Amino acid sequence: MRALYIGSFDPFTIGHYEVLKQAEELFDEVIICIARNPKKKRRFTELTCGNALNFMDEKKRTVVQSDDLTVNIMKQYGCKYLIRGLRNTSDYLYEEQLFHMNKEMDKEFKVVYLRGNNISSTFVYELYRRDMNIQPYIPYAKSHLREA
């Protein structure tokens, strides 16, 4: 069975990686989609994120990019489930709103929530911007980061 793991991953953190590893244990294939949100300015390039994802564990991963609706991306790649990472209650409340919206568009829509650590991409970027050590928070070499 195939699942979609979608996010801006800006940057892809240890928390994202923990969620991805759990998803890879549960599903035959996980499609990782780097979402393009025209309302947000990326801090790191999508290519950086995709390269880092393929570099980790020396495992071939399917990494795609899209600005389409999640339900459409799931249909395009034949995914039955959406993977979402949760850090806290606020994440859950936000994700539940998205779940119900997606369910309205596709009655077959299913989501699996998985726990990651509580470090946000924004926090990691702020450390990076101040030239502080971010290695404990990213699962790949800092040299793989390229600002957008």
Protein backbone atom coordinates (compact mmCIF):
# COMPACT_ATOMS: atom_id res chain seq x y z
CA MET A 1 0.00 0.00 0.00
CA ARG A 2 1.19 3.49 -0.84
CA ALA A 3 1.01 6.63 1.35
CA LEU A 4 1.73 10.31 0.79
CA TYR A 5 3.85 12.35 3.21
CA ILE A 6 3.42 16.01 2.29
CA GLY A 7 4.89 19.15 3.80
CA SER A 8 7.03 22.18 3.11
CA PHE A 9 9.96 20.50 4.91
CA ASP A 10 11.78 23.84 5.09
CA PRO A 11 14.16 22.40 6.27
CA PHE A 12 13.54 18.67 6.67
CA THR A 13 14.18 18.04 10.38
CA ILE A 14 14.78 15.08 12.68
CA GLY A 15 11.07 15.25 13.55
CA HIS A 16 10.12 14.85 9.89
CA TYR A 17 12.63 12.01 9.60
CA GLU A 18 11.14 10.20 12.62
CA VAL A 19 7.69 10.40 11.02
CA LEU A 20 9.08 9.21 7.67
CA LYS A 21 10.82 6.19 9.22
CA GLN A 22 7.60 5.16 11.00
CA ALA A 23 5.63 5.57 7.77
CA GLU A 24 8.17 3.44 5.87
CA GLU A 25 7.63 0.67 8.43
CA LEU A 26 3.85 0.81 7.94
CA PHE A 27 3.59 1.19 4.16
CA ASP A 28 5.09 -0.52 1.12
CA GLU A 29 5.88 2.84 -0.42
CA VAL A 30 5.87 6.42 0.82
CA ILE A 31 5.71 9.26 -1.69
CA ILE A 32 7.27 12.37 -0.17
CA CYS A 33 5.81 15.56 -1.59
CA ILE A 34 7.55 18.88 -1.06
CA ALA A 35 4.61 21.26 -1.08
CA ARG A 36 4.89 24.62 -2.76
CA ASN A 37 2.85 27.20 -0.95
CA PRO A 38 2.71 30.48 -2.89
CA LYS A 39 1.83 32.30 0.35
CA LYS A 40 5.11 31.23 1.98
CA LYS A 41 8.62 32.17 0.93
CA ARG A 42 10.88 29.12 1.07
CA ARG A 43 14.00 29.49 3.17
CA PHE A 44 15.74 26.53 1.52
CA THR A 45 15.38 25.32 -2.05
CA GLU A 46 13.11 22.39 -2.89
CA LEU A 47 16.09 20.79 -4.62
CA THR A 48 18.03 20.98 -1.34
CA CYS A 49 15.23 19.16 0.44
CA GLY A 50 14.86 16.52 -2.26
CA ASN A 51 18.61 15.89 -2.41
CA ALA A 52 18.80 15.57 1.36
CA LEU A 53 15.91 13.09 1.42
CA ASN A 54 17.59 10.89 -1.17
CA PHE A 55 20.98 11.19 0.57
CA MET A 56 19.78 9.95 3.97
CA ASP A 57 20.28 6.24 4.66
CA GLU A 58 21.44 5.86 1.05
CA LYS A 59 17.88 4.75 0.39
CA LYS A 60 16.09 5.61 -2.84
CA ARG A 61 13.00 7.57 -2.01
CA THR A 62 10.32 8.94 -4.30
CA VAL A 63 10.40 12.71 -3.82
CA VAL A 64 8.05 14.93 -5.80
CA GLN A 65 7.07 18.60 -5.74
CA SER A 66 3.61 20.04 -6.18
CA ASP A 67 1.35 22.98 -5.44
CA ASP A 68 -1.82 20.98 -6.15
CA LEU A 69 -4.43 20.01 -3.56
CA THR A 70 -3.46 17.09 -1.35
CA VAL A 71 -6.40 14.94 -2.49
CA ASN A 72 -5.36 15.44 -6.12
CA ILE A 73 -1.74 14.52 -5.39
CA MET A 74 -2.90 11.39 -3.59
CA LYS A 75 -4.98 10.35 -6.60
CA GLN A 76 -2.14 11.17 -9.01
CA TYR A 77 0.24 8.82 -7.17
CA GLY A 78 -2.32 6.19 -6.15
CA CYS A 79 -1.96 6.82 -2.42
CA LYS A 80 -4.60 5.46 -0.05
CA TYR A 81 -3.34 7.29 3.05
CA LEU A 82 -1.95 10.67 3.99
CA ILE A 83 0.84 10.73 6.59
CA ARG A 84 0.90 13.68 8.98
CA GLY A 85 3.31 14.31 11.82
CA LEU A 86 2.13 15.64 15.15
CA ARG A 87 4.22 17.41 17.77
CA ASN A 88 1.55 18.77 20.08
CA THR A 89 -2.13 19.51 20.62
CA SER A 90 -2.05 22.59 18.40
CA ASP A 91 -0.80 20.47 15.50
CA TYR A 92 -3.61 17.98 16.10
CA LEU A 93 -6.32 20.66 16.09
CA TYR A 94 -4.97 22.15 12.85
CA GLU A 95 -4.61 18.73 11.19
CA GLU A 96 -8.16 17.76 12.11
CA GLN A 97 -9.47 20.85 10.30
CA LEU A 98 -7.48 19.85 7.22
CA PHE A 99 -8.71 16.26 7.52
CA HIS A 100 -12.37 17.28 7.46
CA MET A 101 -11.81 19.65 4.55
CA ASN A 102 -10.04 16.92 2.54
CA LYS A 103 -12.72 14.38 3.49
CA GLU A 104 -15.34 16.71 1.99
CA MET A 105 -13.45 16.66 -1.33
CA ASP A 106 -12.79 12.91 -1.28
CA LYS A 107 -14.95 10.58 0.82
CA GLU A 108 -12.22 7.88 0.62
CA PHE A 109 -9.64 10.22 2.21
CA LYS A 110 -7.72 8.63 5.11
CA VAL A 111 -5.02 10.09 7.33
CA VAL A 112 -2.48 8.48 9.67
CA TYR A 113 -1.03 10.65 12.42
CA LEU A 114 2.48 9.81 13.60
CA ARG A 115 4.52 11.42 16.36
CA GLY A 116 7.78 13.22 15.72
CA ASN A 117 9.92 15.24 18.09
CA ASN A 118 8.82 18.72 19.06
CA ILE A 119 11.44 20.73 17.14
CA SER A 120 9.96 22.94 14.44
CA SER A 121 11.54 23.83 11.09
CA THR A 122 11.24 27.51 12.07
CA PHE A 123 13.35 26.91 15.18
CA VAL A 124 16.00 25.05 13.15
CA TYR A 125 16.09 27.85 10.57
CA GLU A 126 16.56 30.50 13.26
CA LEU A 127 19.57 28.59 14.60
CA TYR A 128 20.92 28.19 11.05
CA ARG A 129 20.45 31.91 10.34
CA ARG A 130 22.52 32.72 13.43
CA ASP A 131 25.21 30.27 12.25
CA MET A 132 24.61 28.02 15.26
CA ASN A 133 24.91 24.24 15.29
CA ILE A 134 21.82 22.66 13.69
CA GLN A 135 23.33 19.20 13.17
CA PRO A 136 21.36 17.67 16.10
CA TYR A 137 18.10 18.74 14.42
CA ILE A 138 18.65 17.66 10.80
CA PRO A 139 19.26 14.08 9.61
CA TYR A 140 21.82 14.98 6.91
CA ALA A 141 24.95 17.04 6.45
CA LYS A 142 24.54 20.78 6.91
CA SER A 143 26.46 21.17 3.64
CA HIS A 144 23.34 19.87 1.82
CA LEU A 145 21.42 23.02 2.75
CA ARG A 146 21.12 25.74 0.12
CA GLU A 147 19.10 28.83 0.90
CA ALA A 148 16.39 29.83 -1.59
